[in-house]
Structure formats: structure tokens, C-alpha cells
Amino acid sequence: MPIAYKKKVAVMTGHCEIEEAEALFAWLNEETARQVNLKALGSAHTAVYQVLLATKPKVSVWPEADALYWLTEMMQNKQSKVWFE
């Protein structure tokens, strides 16, 4: 399973498919203090990225994958802009 749900942290690993998006969204909205650990996340379906960008949960560990640099930048951005110049 690409997402392991602990008490307060969802640990995301490998590739997260579209089927994970709805469960992640519901889990994050149940309690505002919940966090995500993106350290081992390699890639995800765009629906999963949309959940992360829409909810902007606290991140306990940022992704190691260089390919996800854009995700780190967008989640840390305080503005609502989607495009970076």
C-alpha cells in the first residue's frame, strides 16, 4: 500500500495511484493536526497532488526525489498562485 496511515502521519511511498486520493483527502480532513511524510514518495497521480495542494497539510518530511522539487515549492508557497515565474 503506497500510503500507510498512522495516528497523525500519512507515510507516502513509491507511486500513489488515483484510488488513494479520496481516502487521503478524507483522512486529512478528519483532523487538522494530521501530517504527511513525503520522504519516499516517488510519484503520484495528479489527483493525489491536487489533494496535497488543496489541503496543504503540514509535512513532517519533504520528498527526497529531485523530480518532486516543484511539489515542495508549491506546498511551501503561502500565496495561492499556481504558476511560478
C-alpha atoms as a PDB file:
ATOM      1  CA  MET A   1       0.000   0.000   0.000  1.00  0.00           C
ATOM      2  CA  PRO A   2       1.551   3.314  -1.074  1.00  0.00           C
ATOM      3  CA  ILE A   3       0.075   5.257   1.860  1.00  0.00           C
ATOM      4  CA  ALA A   4       0.399   3.982   5.414  1.00  0.00           C
ATOM      5  CA  TYR A   5      -1.952   5.843   7.751  1.00  0.00           C
ATOM      6  CA  LYS A   6      -0.627   6.216  11.286  1.00  0.00           C
ATOM      7  CA  LYS A   7      -2.338   8.161  14.089  1.00  0.00           C
ATOM      8  CA  LYS A   8      -1.154  11.588  12.953  1.00  0.00           C
ATOM      9  CA  VAL A   9       1.037  10.959   9.897  1.00  0.00           C
ATOM     10  CA  ALA A  10       0.347   9.508   6.464  1.00  0.00           C
ATOM     11  CA  VAL A  11       3.560   7.967   5.122  1.00  0.00           C
ATOM     12  CA  MET A  12       3.564   8.063   1.323  1.00  0.00           C
ATOM     13  CA  THR A  13       5.927   5.751  -0.564  1.00  0.00           C
ATOM     14  CA  GLY A  14       6.613   4.855  -4.170  1.00  0.00           C
ATOM     15  CA  HIS A  15       3.824   5.745  -6.606  1.00  0.00           C
ATOM     16  CA  CYS A  16       0.394   6.717  -5.298  1.00  0.00           C
ATOM     17  CA  GLU A  17      -2.454   5.857  -7.669  1.00  0.00           C
ATOM     18  CA  ILE A  18      -5.716   7.721  -8.188  1.00  0.00           C
ATOM     19  CA  GLU A  19      -7.505   5.317  -5.839  1.00  0.00           C
ATOM     20  CA  GLU A  20      -5.524   6.798  -2.939  1.00  0.00           C
ATOM     21  CA  ALA A  21      -6.727  10.384  -3.466  1.00  0.00           C
ATOM     22  CA  GLU A  22     -10.183  10.156  -1.921  1.00  0.00           C
ATOM     23  CA  ALA A  23      -9.001   8.281   1.164  1.00  0.00           C
ATOM     24  CA  LEU A  24      -6.135  10.747   1.667  1.00  0.00           C
ATOM     25  CA  PHE A  25      -8.500  13.703   1.355  1.00  0.00           C
ATOM     26  CA  ALA A  26     -10.933  12.237   3.890  1.00  0.00           C
ATOM     27  CA  TRP A  27      -8.141  11.299   6.322  1.00  0.00           C
ATOM     28  CA  LEU A  28      -6.582  14.785   6.189  1.00  0.00           C
ATOM     29  CA  ASN A  29      -9.951  16.468   6.754  1.00  0.00           C
ATOM     30  CA  GLU A  30     -10.877  14.358   9.786  1.00  0.00           C
ATOM     31  CA  GLU A  31      -8.332  16.156  11.974  1.00  0.00           C
ATOM     32  CA  THR A  32      -6.420  19.358  11.218  1.00  0.00           C
ATOM     33  CA  ALA A  33      -3.264  18.301  13.074  1.00  0.00           C
ATOM     34  CA  ARG A  34      -2.530  15.429  10.674  1.00  0.00           C
ATOM     35  CA  GLN A  35       0.670  15.471   8.646  1.00  0.00           C
ATOM     36  CA  VAL A  36       2.196  13.768   5.638  1.00  0.00           C
ATOM     37  CA  ASN A  37       5.629  12.199   5.280  1.00  0.00           C
ATOM     38  CA  LEU A  38       6.713  12.521   1.645  1.00  0.00           C
ATOM     39  CA  LYS A  39      10.290  11.276   2.051  1.00  0.00           C
ATOM     40  CA  ALA A  40       9.893   8.114  -0.035  1.00  0.00           C
ATOM     41  CA  LEU A  41       7.256   9.415  -2.440  1.00  0.00           C
ATOM     42  CA  GLY A  42       8.465   8.859  -5.986  1.00  0.00           C
ATOM     43  CA  SER A  43       5.440   9.981  -7.970  1.00  0.00           C
ATOM     44  CA  ALA A  44       1.667  10.168  -7.772  1.00  0.00           C
ATOM     45  CA  HIS A  45      -1.443  10.541  -9.864  1.00  0.00           C
ATOM     46  CA  THR A  46      -2.433  14.175 -10.399  1.00  0.00           C
ATOM     47  CA  ALA A  47      -5.478  13.659  -8.149  1.00  0.00           C
ATOM     48  CA  VAL A  48      -3.153  12.894  -5.219  1.00  0.00           C
ATOM     49  CA  TYR A  49      -1.104  16.022  -5.962  1.00  0.00           C
ATOM     50  CA  GLN A  50      -4.333  18.032  -6.095  1.00  0.00           C
ATOM     51  CA  VAL A  51      -5.328  16.777  -2.648  1.00  0.00           C
ATOM     52  CA  LEU A  52      -1.940  17.799  -1.248  1.00  0.00           C
ATOM     53  CA  LEU A  53      -2.047  21.228  -2.892  1.00  0.00           C
ATOM     54  CA  ALA A  54      -5.654  21.891  -1.902  1.00  0.00           C
ATOM     55  CA  THR A  55      -5.327  20.855   1.730  1.00  0.00           C
ATOM     56  CA  LYS A  56      -1.671  21.914   2.228  1.00  0.00           C
ATOM     57  CA  PRO A  57      -1.136  19.661   5.248  1.00  0.00           C
ATOM     58  CA  LYS A  58       1.888  20.025   7.485  1.00  0.00           C
ATOM     59  CA  VAL A  59       4.754  17.983   6.039  1.00  0.00           C
ATOM     60  CA  SER A  60       6.876  16.064   8.538  1.00  0.00           C
ATOM     61  CA  VAL A  61       9.469  15.045   5.918  1.00  0.00           C
ATOM     62  CA  TRP A  62       9.809  16.537   2.432  1.00  0.00           C
ATOM     63  CA  PRO A  63      10.380  14.312  -0.627  1.00  0.00           C
ATOM     64  CA  GLU A  64      13.909  13.192  -1.427  1.00  0.00           C
ATOM     65  CA  ALA A  65      13.185  12.828  -5.148  1.00  0.00           C
ATOM     66  CA  ASP A  66      14.564  15.753  -7.141  1.00  0.00           C
ATOM     67  CA  ALA A  67      11.671  15.330  -9.563  1.00  0.00           C
ATOM     68  CA  LEU A  68       9.283  16.495  -6.813  1.00  0.00           C
ATOM     69  CA  TYR A  69      11.049  19.806  -6.215  1.00  0.00           C
ATOM     70  CA  TRP A  70       8.039  21.577  -7.735  1.00  0.00           C
ATOM     71  CA  LEU A  71       5.711  19.987  -5.167  1.00  0.00           C
ATOM     72  CA  THR A  72       7.853  21.188  -2.280  1.00  0.00           C
ATOM     73  CA  GLU A  73       7.911  24.718  -3.712  1.00  0.00           C
ATOM     74  CA  MET A  74       4.159  24.843  -4.282  1.00  0.00           C
ATOM     75  CA  MET A  75       3.276  23.446  -0.860  1.00  0.00           C
ATOM     76  CA  GLN A  76       5.568  25.918   0.892  1.00  0.00           C
ATOM     77  CA  ASN A  77       4.198  28.848  -1.115  1.00  0.00           C
ATOM     78  CA  LYS A  78       1.914  30.989   1.040  1.00  0.00           C
ATOM     79  CA  GLN A  79       0.247  32.586  -1.983  1.00  0.00           C
ATOM     80  CA  SER A  80      -2.450  30.895  -3.963  1.00  0.00           C
ATOM     81  CA  LYS A  81      -0.565  31.196  -7.268  1.00  0.00           C
ATOM     82  CA  VAL A  82      -0.243  28.020  -9.236  1.00  0.00           C
ATOM     83  CA  TRP A  83       2.339  29.202 -11.770  1.00  0.00           C
ATOM     84  CA  PHE A  84       5.905  30.126 -10.917  1.00  0.00           C
ATOM     85  CA  GLU A  85       7.932  32.569 -12.972  1.00  0.00           C
END
